[in-house]
N, C-alpha and C. Protein backbone atom coordinates (compact mmCIF):
# COMPACT_ATOMS: atom_id res chain seq x y z
N UNK A 1 -26.08 34.21 -10.78
CA UNK A 1 -27.35 34.09 -10.87
C UNK A 1 -27.24 32.81 -11.79
N UNK A 2 -27.94 31.81 -11.54
CA UNK A 2 -28.06 30.40 -12.02
C UNK A 2 -29.26 30.70 -13.32
N UNK A 3 -28.90 30.43 -14.24
CA UNK A 3 -29.98 30.15 -15.36
C UNK A 3 -29.90 28.61 -16.04
N UNK A 4 -30.82 28.27 -16.29
CA UNK A 4 -30.93 27.01 -17.15
C UNK A 4 -29.94 26.44 -18.23
N UNK A 5 -29.21 27.28 -18.48
CA UNK A 5 -27.82 26.90 -19.15
C UNK A 5 -26.91 26.56 -18.58
N UNK A 6 -26.82 27.06 -17.43
CA UNK A 6 -25.53 26.87 -16.20
C UNK A 6 -26.20 25.62 -15.75
N UNK A 7 -25.32 24.88 -15.29
CA UNK A 7 -25.80 23.50 -14.87
C UNK A 7 -25.35 23.69 -13.69
N UNK A 8 -26.09 23.19 -12.46
CA UNK A 8 -25.95 22.82 -10.97
C UNK A 8 -24.66 21.88 -10.55
N UNK A 9 -23.81 22.04 -10.28
CA UNK A 9 -23.21 21.31 -9.84
C UNK A 9 -23.59 19.58 -9.50
N UNK A 10 -24.79 19.37 -8.42
CA UNK A 10 -25.17 18.08 -8.66
C UNK A 10 -25.77 17.55 -10.02
N UNK A 11 -26.58 18.52 -10.86
CA UNK A 11 -26.91 18.29 -11.67
C UNK A 11 -26.18 17.67 -12.76
N UNK A 12 -24.98 18.63 -12.90
CA UNK A 12 -23.98 18.23 -13.93
C UNK A 12 -23.56 16.36 -13.30
N UNK A 13 -23.41 16.79 -12.01
CA UNK A 13 -22.73 15.08 -11.37
C UNK A 13 -23.69 14.24 -11.92
N UNK A 14 -25.27 14.20 -12.07
CA UNK A 14 -26.49 13.34 -12.16
C UNK A 14 -25.81 13.31 -13.92
N UNK A 15 -25.91 14.28 -14.51
CA UNK A 15 -25.86 14.06 -16.03
C UNK A 15 -24.93 13.23 -16.25
N UNK A 16 -23.34 13.54 -15.97
CA UNK A 16 -22.50 12.60 -16.05
C UNK A 16 -22.38 11.30 -15.67
N UNK A 17 -23.16 11.11 -14.82
CA UNK A 17 -23.00 10.02 -14.30
C UNK A 17 -24.01 9.15 -15.33
N UNK A 18 -25.03 9.83 -15.63
CA UNK A 18 -26.41 8.94 -16.62
C UNK A 18 -25.53 8.98 -17.60
N UNK A 19 -24.57 9.63 -18.45
CA UNK A 19 -24.08 9.31 -19.65
C UNK A 19 -22.69 7.92 -19.24
N UNK A 20 -22.39 7.85 -18.33
CA UNK A 20 -21.51 7.15 -18.12
C UNK A 20 -22.18 5.46 -17.85
N UNK A 21 -22.65 5.79 -17.47
CA UNK A 21 -23.49 4.68 -17.26
C UNK A 21 -24.53 3.99 -18.93
N UNK A 22 -24.98 5.34 -19.80
CA UNK A 22 -25.23 4.79 -20.97
C UNK A 22 -24.28 4.79 -22.02
N UNK A 23 -23.35 4.71 -21.34
CA UNK A 23 -22.29 4.50 -22.44
C UNK A 23 -21.29 3.14 -22.02
N UNK A 24 -21.23 3.18 -20.94
CA UNK A 24 -21.32 1.44 -20.42
C UNK A 24 -22.39 0.54 -21.32
N UNK A 25 -23.59 0.75 -21.70
CA UNK A 25 -24.37 0.30 -22.27
C UNK A 25 -24.07 0.01 -23.86
N UNK A 26 -23.11 0.79 -24.20
CA UNK A 26 -22.58 1.00 -25.67
C UNK A 26 -22.92 2.09 -26.45
N UNK A 27 -23.64 3.08 -25.76
CA UNK A 27 -24.46 4.58 -26.58
C UNK A 27 -23.11 5.22 -26.85
N UNK A 28 -22.66 5.22 -27.96
CA UNK A 28 -21.60 6.07 -28.83
C UNK A 28 -21.56 7.65 -28.41
N UNK A 29 -22.89 8.26 -28.22
CA UNK A 29 -23.16 9.58 -28.24
C UNK A 29 -22.92 9.81 -26.55
N UNK A 30 -23.33 8.71 -25.84
CA UNK A 30 -23.12 9.13 -24.47
C UNK A 30 -21.74 9.10 -24.14
N UNK A 31 -20.81 8.44 -24.82
CA UNK A 31 -20.01 8.70 -24.53
C UNK A 31 -18.56 9.50 -24.75
N UNK A 32 -19.36 10.13 -25.80
CA UNK A 32 -18.59 11.48 -26.32
C UNK A 32 -19.04 12.70 -25.11
N UNK A 33 -20.18 12.55 -24.98
CA UNK A 33 -21.19 13.96 -23.99
C UNK A 33 -20.06 13.56 -22.64
N UNK A 34 -19.87 12.42 -22.36
CA UNK A 34 -19.18 11.63 -20.89
C UNK A 34 -17.75 12.53 -20.86
N UNK A 35 -17.06 12.29 -22.24
CA UNK A 35 -15.56 12.76 -22.27
C UNK A 35 -15.74 14.35 -22.39
N UNK A 36 -16.44 14.71 -22.67
CA UNK A 36 -16.38 16.47 -23.17
C UNK A 36 -17.18 17.30 -21.71
N UNK A 37 -18.44 16.64 -21.02
CA UNK A 37 -17.96 16.84 -19.85
C UNK A 37 -17.48 17.15 -19.04
N UNK A 38 -16.59 16.00 -18.87
CA UNK A 38 -15.10 15.78 -17.76
C UNK A 38 -14.01 16.08 -17.99
N UNK A 39 -13.90 16.17 -19.84
CA UNK A 39 -12.20 16.80 -20.12
C UNK A 39 -11.60 17.85 -19.15
N UNK A 40 -12.22 18.59 -19.39
CA UNK A 40 -11.58 20.23 -18.50
C UNK A 40 -11.43 19.43 -16.94
N UNK A 41 -12.27 19.31 -16.24
CA UNK A 41 -11.76 18.68 -15.07
C UNK A 41 -10.88 17.88 -14.94
N UNK A 42 -10.77 17.10 -15.64
CA UNK A 42 -9.58 16.12 -15.62
C UNK A 42 -8.49 16.97 -15.78
N UNK A 43 -8.22 17.52 -17.16
CA UNK A 43 -6.96 18.22 -17.28
C UNK A 43 -6.60 19.37 -15.95
N UNK A 44 -7.82 19.81 -15.62
CA UNK A 44 -7.28 20.73 -14.41
C UNK A 44 -6.49 19.76 -13.07
N UNK A 45 -7.09 18.59 -12.92
CA UNK A 45 -6.88 17.53 -11.72
C UNK A 45 -5.34 17.31 -11.94
N UNK A 46 -5.19 16.50 -13.31
CA UNK A 46 -4.15 16.44 -13.43
C UNK A 46 -2.64 17.15 -13.79
N UNK A 47 -3.20 18.32 -13.74
CA UNK A 47 -2.05 19.28 -14.35
C UNK A 47 -1.78 20.30 -12.74
N UNK A 48 -2.96 19.93 -11.89
CA UNK A 48 -2.79 20.49 -10.27
C UNK A 48 -1.84 19.04 -9.76
N UNK A 49 -1.94 17.72 -10.42
CA UNK A 49 -0.76 16.58 -9.48
C UNK A 49 0.82 16.49 -9.83
N UNK A 50 0.28 16.90 -11.38
CA UNK A 50 1.52 16.66 -12.26
C UNK A 50 2.38 17.68 -12.58
N UNK A 51 4.07 17.37 -12.12
CA UNK A 51 4.85 18.57 -11.72
C UNK A 51 5.45 18.93 -13.32
N UNK A 52 4.92 18.00 -14.65
CA UNK A 52 5.25 17.83 -15.77
C UNK A 52 4.14 18.50 -16.64
N UNK A 53 4.35 20.00 -16.46
CA UNK A 53 3.46 20.14 -17.58
C UNK A 53 3.22 19.77 -19.15
N UNK A 54 4.38 18.91 -19.85
CA UNK A 54 3.96 18.57 -21.00
C UNK A 54 3.46 17.18 -21.24
N UNK A 55 3.38 16.86 -19.86
CA UNK A 55 2.98 15.44 -19.67
C UNK A 55 1.21 15.38 -19.34
N UNK A 56 0.67 16.77 -19.15
CA UNK A 56 -0.69 16.66 -18.68
C UNK A 56 -1.88 15.91 -19.89
N UNK A 57 -1.65 16.40 -20.90
CA UNK A 57 -2.69 16.17 -22.39
C UNK A 57 -2.36 14.20 -22.26
N UNK A 58 -1.22 13.62 -22.21
CA UNK A 58 -1.14 12.70 -22.07
C UNK A 58 -1.85 11.68 -20.89
N UNK A 59 -1.49 12.30 -20.05
CA UNK A 59 -1.97 11.87 -18.70
C UNK A 59 -3.78 11.65 -18.65
N UNK A 60 -3.96 12.81 -18.99
CA UNK A 60 -5.62 12.83 -19.35
C UNK A 60 -6.46 12.17 -20.37
N UNK A 61 -5.37 11.65 -21.39
CA UNK A 61 -5.28 10.85 -22.45
C UNK A 61 -5.73 9.09 -22.00
N UNK A 62 -4.85 9.35 -20.95
CA UNK A 62 -4.54 7.90 -19.92
C UNK A 62 -5.87 7.81 -19.28
N UNK A 63 -5.99 8.38 -18.87
CA UNK A 63 -7.09 8.45 -17.76
C UNK A 63 -8.74 8.28 -18.62
N UNK A 64 -8.72 9.08 -19.56
CA UNK A 64 -10.12 8.44 -20.36
C UNK A 64 -9.81 7.08 -20.99
N UNK A 65 -8.61 6.32 -21.52
CA UNK A 65 -8.44 5.29 -22.13
C UNK A 65 -8.89 4.15 -20.92
N UNK A 66 -8.07 4.61 -19.46
CA UNK A 66 -8.44 3.39 -18.54
C UNK A 66 -9.92 3.30 -18.16
N UNK A 67 -10.57 4.58 -18.14
CA UNK A 67 -11.80 4.49 -17.78
C UNK A 67 -12.54 4.02 -19.12
N UNK A 68 -12.65 4.27 -20.03
CA UNK A 68 -13.64 3.73 -20.98
C UNK A 68 -13.08 2.26 -21.19
N UNK A 69 -11.94 1.70 -20.92
CA UNK A 69 -11.68 0.47 -20.83
C UNK A 69 -12.08 -0.66 -19.77
N UNK A 70 -12.29 0.38 -18.93
CA UNK A 70 -13.14 -0.36 -17.38
C UNK A 70 -14.40 0.32 -17.04
N UNK A 71 -15.37 1.49 -18.27
CA UNK A 71 -16.51 1.40 -17.61
C UNK A 71 -17.44 0.28 -18.03
N UNK A 72 -17.29 -0.63 -17.99
CA UNK A 72 -18.38 -1.77 -17.83
C UNK A 72 -18.29 -2.15 -16.31
N UNK A 73 -17.23 -1.80 -15.83
CA UNK A 73 -17.36 -1.72 -13.84
C UNK A 73 -18.05 -0.86 -13.47
N UNK A 74 -18.31 0.05 -14.31
CA UNK A 74 -18.66 1.03 -13.60
C UNK A 74 -20.53 1.06 -12.92
N UNK A 75 -20.89 1.44 -11.81
CA UNK A 75 -21.96 0.82 -11.48
C UNK A 75 -22.50 1.84 -10.95
N UNK A 76 -22.37 3.03 -10.98
CA UNK A 76 -22.63 4.34 -10.29
C UNK A 76 -22.66 4.55 -9.30
N UNK A 77 -22.32 3.92 -8.09
CA UNK A 77 -22.42 4.32 -6.59
C UNK A 77 -21.98 5.66 -6.65
N UNK A 78 -20.92 6.13 -6.97
CA UNK A 78 -20.40 7.17 -6.90
C UNK A 78 -20.60 7.93 -7.84
N UNK A 79 -20.34 9.66 -8.02
CA UNK A 79 -20.61 10.13 -8.87
C UNK A 79 -19.60 9.50 -10.25
N UNK A 80 -19.42 9.68 -11.72
CA UNK A 80 -18.91 9.55 -12.70
C UNK A 80 -17.74 10.41 -12.42
N UNK A 81 -17.83 11.46 -11.90
CA UNK A 81 -16.40 12.77 -11.76
C UNK A 81 -15.92 11.86 -10.36
N UNK A 82 -16.19 11.74 -9.90
CA UNK A 82 -15.76 11.27 -8.24
C UNK A 82 -14.54 9.88 -9.03
N UNK A 83 -15.37 8.98 -9.58
CA UNK A 83 -14.97 7.77 -10.02
C UNK A 83 -13.94 8.09 -11.47
N UNK A 84 -13.81 9.40 -11.90
CA UNK A 84 -12.87 9.50 -12.80
C UNK A 84 -11.58 10.44 -12.22
N UNK A 85 -11.90 11.04 -11.32
CA UNK A 85 -11.09 11.62 -11.15
C UNK A 85 -9.90 10.78 -10.32
N UNK A 86 -10.44 9.40 -9.60
CA UNK A 86 -9.87 8.49 -8.58
C UNK A 86 -9.07 8.04 -10.06
N UNK A 87 -9.08 7.93 -10.69
CA UNK A 87 -8.71 7.28 -11.80
C UNK A 87 -7.65 7.81 -12.50
N UNK A 88 -7.38 9.28 -12.82
CA UNK A 88 -6.57 10.73 -12.93
C UNK A 88 -5.47 10.23 -12.02
N UNK A 89 -6.04 10.30 -10.74
CA UNK A 89 -4.70 10.26 -9.51
C UNK A 89 -4.23 8.81 -9.55
N UNK A 90 -4.84 7.67 -10.07
CA UNK A 90 -3.86 6.66 -10.11
C UNK A 90 -3.04 6.29 -11.30
N UNK A 91 -3.44 7.36 -12.73
CA UNK A 91 -2.47 7.46 -13.87
C UNK A 91 -1.51 8.11 -13.49
N UNK A 92 -1.49 9.35 -12.54
CA UNK A 92 -0.22 10.23 -12.35
C UNK A 92 0.60 9.65 -11.23
N UNK A 93 0.03 8.90 -10.52
CA UNK A 93 1.10 7.78 -9.63
C UNK A 93 1.49 7.05 -10.43
N UNK A 94 1.12 6.24 -11.36
CA UNK A 94 1.73 5.49 -12.14
C UNK A 94 2.54 5.80 -13.28
N UNK A 95 2.74 7.30 -13.10
CA UNK A 95 3.53 7.64 -14.82
C UNK A 95 4.32 8.23 -13.44
N UNK A 96 5.12 8.53 -12.35
CA UNK A 96 5.68 8.74 -11.72
C UNK A 96 6.47 7.18 -11.35
N UNK A 97 5.89 6.42 -10.83
CA UNK A 97 6.42 5.00 -10.71
C UNK A 97 7.37 4.55 -11.78
N UNK A 98 6.46 4.46 -13.02
CA UNK A 98 7.04 4.13 -14.41
C UNK A 98 8.42 5.20 -14.92
N UNK A 99 8.15 6.53 -14.42
CA UNK A 99 9.58 7.66 -14.59
C UNK A 99 10.33 6.87 -13.41
N UNK A 100 10.10 6.52 -12.42
CA UNK A 100 11.72 6.00 -11.54
C UNK A 100 11.89 5.23 -11.95
N UNK A 101 11.70 4.22 -12.65
CA UNK A 101 12.01 3.14 -13.06
C UNK A 101 13.22 2.92 -14.35
N UNK A 102 12.77 4.13 -15.31
CA UNK A 102 13.07 4.47 -16.60
C UNK A 102 14.67 5.06 -16.35
N UNK A 103 15.80 4.71 -17.09
CA UNK A 103 16.92 5.26 -17.09
C UNK A 103 16.78 6.56 -17.37
N UNK A 104 17.45 8.09 -17.06
CA UNK A 104 17.10 9.08 -17.43
C UNK A 104 18.30 9.48 -18.56
N UNK A 105 18.17 9.95 -19.50
CA UNK A 105 19.05 10.90 -20.34
C UNK A 105 19.93 11.59 -19.63
N UNK A 106 21.09 11.82 -20.95
CA UNK A 106 22.48 12.42 -19.80
C UNK A 106 22.35 13.50 -20.84
N UNK A 107 22.97 15.31 -20.99
CA UNK A 107 22.80 15.74 -21.95
C UNK A 107 24.42 16.03 -21.76
N UNK A 108 25.07 15.44 -20.71
CA UNK A 108 26.62 15.54 -20.96
C UNK A 108 27.40 15.03 -21.76
N UNK A 109 28.81 14.99 -22.44
CA UNK A 109 29.23 14.72 -23.33
C UNK A 109 30.23 13.22 -22.25
N UNK A 110 30.50 13.55 -21.48
CA UNK A 110 30.99 12.28 -20.39
C UNK A 110 30.06 12.14 -19.32
N UNK A 111 29.29 11.37 -19.34
CA UNK A 111 28.04 11.04 -18.61
C UNK A 111 29.14 10.15 -17.22
N UNK A 112 30.24 9.72 -17.48
CA UNK A 112 30.76 8.68 -16.33
C UNK A 112 30.95 9.87 -15.00
N UNK A 113 31.67 11.04 -15.77
CA UNK A 113 32.45 12.62 -14.86
C UNK A 113 30.54 13.30 -14.39
N UNK A 114 29.38 13.34 -15.30
CA UNK A 114 28.90 13.59 -14.18
C UNK A 114 27.97 13.04 -13.19
N UNK A 115 28.06 11.68 -13.25
CA UNK A 115 27.55 10.62 -12.41
C UNK A 115 28.59 10.94 -11.06
N UNK A 116 29.94 10.79 -11.21
CA UNK A 116 31.15 11.21 -9.90
C UNK A 116 30.54 12.42 -9.70
N UNK A 117 30.31 13.25 -10.49
CA UNK A 117 30.25 14.75 -9.56
C UNK A 117 28.66 14.74 -8.67
N UNK A 118 27.99 14.00 -9.24
CA UNK A 118 26.73 13.72 -8.36
C UNK A 118 26.66 12.84 -7.30
N UNK A 119 27.71 12.19 -6.88
CA UNK A 119 27.71 11.68 -5.60
C UNK A 119 28.43 12.46 -4.70
N UNK A 120 27.53 12.13 -3.29
CA UNK A 120 28.01 12.98 -2.07
C UNK A 120 29.60 13.06 -1.87
N UNK A 121 30.12 13.96 -1.42
CA UNK A 121 31.80 14.05 -1.14
C UNK A 121 31.45 13.94 0.17
N UNK A 122 32.92 13.73 0.91
CA UNK A 122 33.13 12.53 1.66
C UNK A 122 33.01 11.91 2.15
N UNK A 123 32.09 10.84 1.68
CA UNK A 123 31.77 9.39 2.15
C UNK A 123 32.59 8.83 1.87
N UNK A 124 32.94 7.87 2.58
CA UNK A 124 33.86 6.54 2.16
C UNK A 124 33.66 5.89 1.03
N UNK A 125 34.09 5.50 0.07
CA UNK A 125 34.10 4.87 -1.39
C UNK A 125 34.39 3.30 -1.15
N UNK A 126 34.67 2.40 -2.03
CA UNK A 126 34.71 1.36 -2.13
C UNK A 126 36.40 1.16 -1.60
N UNK A 127 37.18 2.11 -2.62
CA UNK A 127 38.48 1.90 -1.92
C UNK A 127 38.69 1.79 -0.72
N UNK A 128 38.13 3.19 -0.26
CA UNK A 128 38.30 3.21 0.89
C UNK A 128 37.61 2.41 2.33
N UNK A 129 36.69 1.39 1.79
CA UNK A 129 36.34 -0.35 2.61
C UNK A 129 37.18 -1.19 2.00
N UNK A 130 38.19 -0.99 1.40
CA UNK A 130 39.22 -2.25 1.11
C UNK A 130 40.11 -1.73 1.83
N UNK A 131 40.41 -0.33 2.13
CA UNK A 131 41.44 -0.35 2.84
C UNK A 131 41.54 -0.42 4.43
N UNK A 132 40.52 0.01 4.91
CA UNK A 132 40.02 -0.05 6.38
C UNK A 132 39.88 -1.68 6.38
N UNK A 133 39.45 -2.24 5.54
CA UNK A 133 39.61 -3.93 5.69
C UNK A 133 40.79 -4.47 5.92
N UNK A 134 41.72 -3.67 5.22
CA UNK A 134 43.43 -4.42 5.17
C UNK A 134 43.84 -3.85 6.65
N UNK A 135 43.43 -2.32 6.63
CA UNK A 135 44.05 -2.16 8.14
C UNK A 135 43.54 -2.53 9.31
N UNK A 136 42.05 -3.44 9.48
CA UNK A 136 41.71 -3.88 10.24
C UNK A 136 42.21 -5.48 10.59
N UNK A 137 42.52 -5.94 9.76
CA UNK A 137 42.89 -7.16 9.23
C UNK A 137 44.11 -7.39 10.03
N UNK A 138 45.09 -5.93 9.61
CA UNK A 138 46.83 -6.63 10.20
C UNK A 138 46.19 -6.40 11.94
N UNK A 139 45.36 -5.58 12.65
CA UNK A 139 44.86 -5.62 13.96
C UNK A 139 45.15 -6.92 14.62
N UNK A 140 45.33 -7.14 15.84
CA UNK A 140 45.26 -8.49 16.51
C UNK A 140 43.81 -8.80 16.83
N UNK A 141 43.43 -10.01 16.97
CA UNK A 141 41.61 -10.47 16.91
C UNK A 141 41.33 -9.55 18.24
N UNK A 142 41.74 -9.28 19.29
CA UNK A 142 41.37 -8.76 20.62
C UNK A 142 40.87 -7.48 20.12
N UNK A 143 42.31 -6.79 19.85
CA UNK A 143 41.87 -5.45 19.33
C UNK A 143 41.18 -5.40 17.95
N UNK A 144 40.86 -6.05 17.08
CA UNK A 144 39.66 -5.39 16.21
C UNK A 144 38.72 -5.79 16.57
N UNK A 145 38.40 -7.00 17.52
CA UNK A 145 36.82 -7.04 18.00
C UNK A 145 36.55 -5.80 18.62
N UNK A 146 37.20 -5.08 19.47
CA UNK A 146 37.18 -4.21 20.53
C UNK A 146 36.92 -2.67 19.62
N UNK A 147 37.73 -2.65 18.68
CA UNK A 147 37.16 -1.39 17.99
C UNK A 147 36.41 -1.58 17.13
N UNK A 148 36.18 -2.38 16.20
CA UNK A 148 34.77 -2.79 15.70
C UNK A 148 33.52 -2.79 16.25
N UNK A 149 33.37 -2.91 17.40
CA UNK A 149 32.35 -2.89 18.48
C UNK A 149 31.97 -1.99 19.33
N UNK A 150 32.93 -1.29 19.20
CA UNK A 150 32.93 0.06 19.66
C UNK A 150 32.87 1.51 18.58
N UNK A 151 33.86 1.40 18.00
CA UNK A 151 34.00 2.34 17.01
C UNK A 151 33.20 2.28 15.58
N UNK A 152 32.81 1.00 14.94
CA UNK A 152 32.38 1.26 13.67
C UNK A 152 30.75 0.46 14.33
N UNK A 153 30.43 -0.15 15.30
CA UNK A 153 28.93 -0.30 15.31
C UNK A 153 28.12 0.52 16.50
N UNK A 154 29.26 0.78 17.34
CA UNK A 154 28.89 2.41 18.23
C UNK A 154 28.20 1.42 19.73
N UNK A 155 28.69 0.63 19.96
CA UNK A 155 28.17 -0.29 20.94
C UNK A 155 28.67 0.49 22.21
N UNK A 156 28.25 0.59 23.43
CA UNK A 156 28.70 1.34 24.42
C UNK A 156 29.72 0.44 25.13
N UNK A 157 30.98 1.30 25.75
CA UNK A 157 31.88 0.02 25.89
C UNK A 157 31.57 -0.87 27.18
N UNK A 158 30.41 -0.76 28.19
CA UNK A 158 30.01 -1.72 28.88
C UNK A 158 29.47 -3.01 28.26
N UNK A 159 28.68 -2.82 27.14
CA UNK A 159 28.12 -4.01 26.56
C UNK A 159 28.91 -4.30 25.33
N UNK A 160 30.18 -3.86 24.61
CA UNK A 160 30.84 -4.11 24.12
C UNK A 160 32.30 -5.51 24.83
N UNK A 161 32.26 -5.24 26.37
CA UNK A 161 32.95 -5.52 27.23
C UNK A 161 32.37 -7.00 27.27
N UNK A 162 31.02 -7.16 27.50
CA UNK A 162 30.07 -7.96 27.81
C UNK A 162 30.39 -9.09 26.59
N UNK A 163 30.11 -8.13 25.68
CA UNK A 163 30.27 -9.36 24.45
C UNK A 163 31.39 -9.66 24.32
N UNK A 164 32.86 -9.17 24.70
CA UNK A 164 33.67 -9.55 24.36
C UNK A 164 34.23 -10.53 25.46
N UNK A 165 33.81 -10.49 26.57
CA UNK A 165 34.34 -11.44 27.66
C UNK A 165 35.32 -10.49 28.50
N UNK A 166 34.97 -9.72 28.96
CA UNK A 166 36.80 -9.06 29.20
C UNK A 166 36.05 -7.48 30.14
N UNK A 167 36.52 -7.22 31.23
CA UNK A 167 36.30 -6.05 31.63
C UNK A 167 36.63 -4.73 30.98
N UNK A 168 35.76 -3.83 31.26
CA UNK A 168 35.52 -2.62 30.51
C UNK A 168 36.97 -1.76 30.08
N UNK A 169 37.72 -1.53 31.42
CA UNK A 169 38.78 -1.22 31.51
C UNK A 169 40.05 -2.01 30.35
N UNK A 170 39.88 -3.42 30.17
CA UNK A 170 40.59 -3.80 28.86
C UNK A 170 40.29 -3.39 27.77
N UNK A 171 38.71 -3.42 27.72
CA UNK A 171 38.54 -3.14 26.55
C UNK A 171 38.37 -1.64 26.43
N UNK A 172 38.61 -0.97 26.75
CA UNK A 172 38.83 0.37 27.10
C UNK A 172 40.45 0.66 26.43
N UNK A 173 41.36 -0.24 27.18
CA UNK A 173 42.62 -0.22 26.51
C UNK A 173 42.83 -0.69 25.46
N UNK A 174 42.11 -2.03 24.75
CA UNK A 174 42.23 -2.89 23.53
C UNK A 174 41.86 -1.46 22.37
N UNK A 175 41.01 -0.83 22.55
CA UNK A 175 40.44 0.27 21.61
C UNK A 175 41.45 1.01 21.27
N UNK A 176 42.11 1.80 22.43
CA UNK A 176 43.15 2.80 22.80
C UNK A 176 44.37 1.98 21.91
N UNK A 177 44.97 0.75 21.70
CA UNK A 177 46.11 0.38 21.39
C UNK A 177 45.79 0.32 19.83
N UNK A 178 44.26 -0.13 19.44
CA UNK A 178 43.86 -0.40 18.34
C UNK A 178 43.90 0.76 16.98
N UNK A 179 43.50 1.92 17.66
CA UNK A 179 43.56 3.84 17.43
C UNK A 179 44.96 3.64 17.15
N UNK A 180 45.99 3.63 18.17
CA UNK A 180 47.68 3.93 17.93
C UNK A 180 47.89 2.70 16.81
N UNK A 181 47.61 1.91 16.40
CA UNK A 181 48.40 0.81 15.59
C UNK A 181 47.75 1.59 14.37
N UNK A 182 46.37 1.84 14.34
CA UNK A 182 45.35 2.33 12.75
C UNK A 182 46.33 3.79 12.80
N UNK A 183 46.63 4.42 13.67
CA UNK A 183 47.06 5.63 13.20
C UNK A 183 48.78 5.50 12.67
N UNK A 184 49.26 5.09 13.46
CA UNK A 184 50.95 4.05 12.61
C UNK A 184 50.94 3.66 11.58
N UNK A 185 49.64 2.61 11.09
CA UNK A 185 49.57 1.89 10.01
C UNK A 185 49.38 2.99 8.55
N UNK A 186 48.28 4.00 9.06
CA UNK A 186 48.61 5.27 7.89
C UNK A 186 49.42 6.12 7.74
N UNK A 187 50.25 6.14 9.09
CA UNK A 187 51.56 7.21 8.40
C UNK A 187 52.17 6.54 7.77
N UNK A 188 52.33 5.34 7.81
CA UNK A 188 53.63 4.78 7.17
C UNK A 188 52.72 4.17 5.89
N UNK A 189 51.56 4.61 5.35
CA UNK A 189 51.19 4.25 4.10
C UNK A 189 51.32 5.37 3.22
N UNK A 190 51.52 6.73 3.93
CA UNK A 190 51.47 7.71 3.56
C UNK A 190 52.77 8.08 2.92
């Protein structure tokens, strides 16, 4: 049952919008009413969007600071609640962007080891790339081109043959010889 003490949502939105417009005009009492009326809504909304419960109060405060700083632009075309919640959403998104650009602290004594462990395993690293370039450099030009086009770039043999200016059979032979040479070079290096 709705009583006069329980605000109807439309009336509450009308009241908060009226307070925002009055606060825009410089009424300090209206500023206080505006903040009190919407503080709980902003906290709930920010808590819903934010993954860090420790940051909710700070983000709510940031929301109100942004809103009060731009209150002079509020024209009342929408409700003050929806205007404020849009500001809250931008505050949360901005906090994620900011956190993404900041270096993170490491609890480990050896941070380099922690970074190395965080790297995906099984992927070739810089040293492997240098070794591959050295091995490819040892191949004759025609075999290297055929191998790179088909095995590294993944082109079909017909297209690689067109690029290389040779028949498909010749290209296949060059790739097979390049593989055999690379296997021999790897065996000799081990």
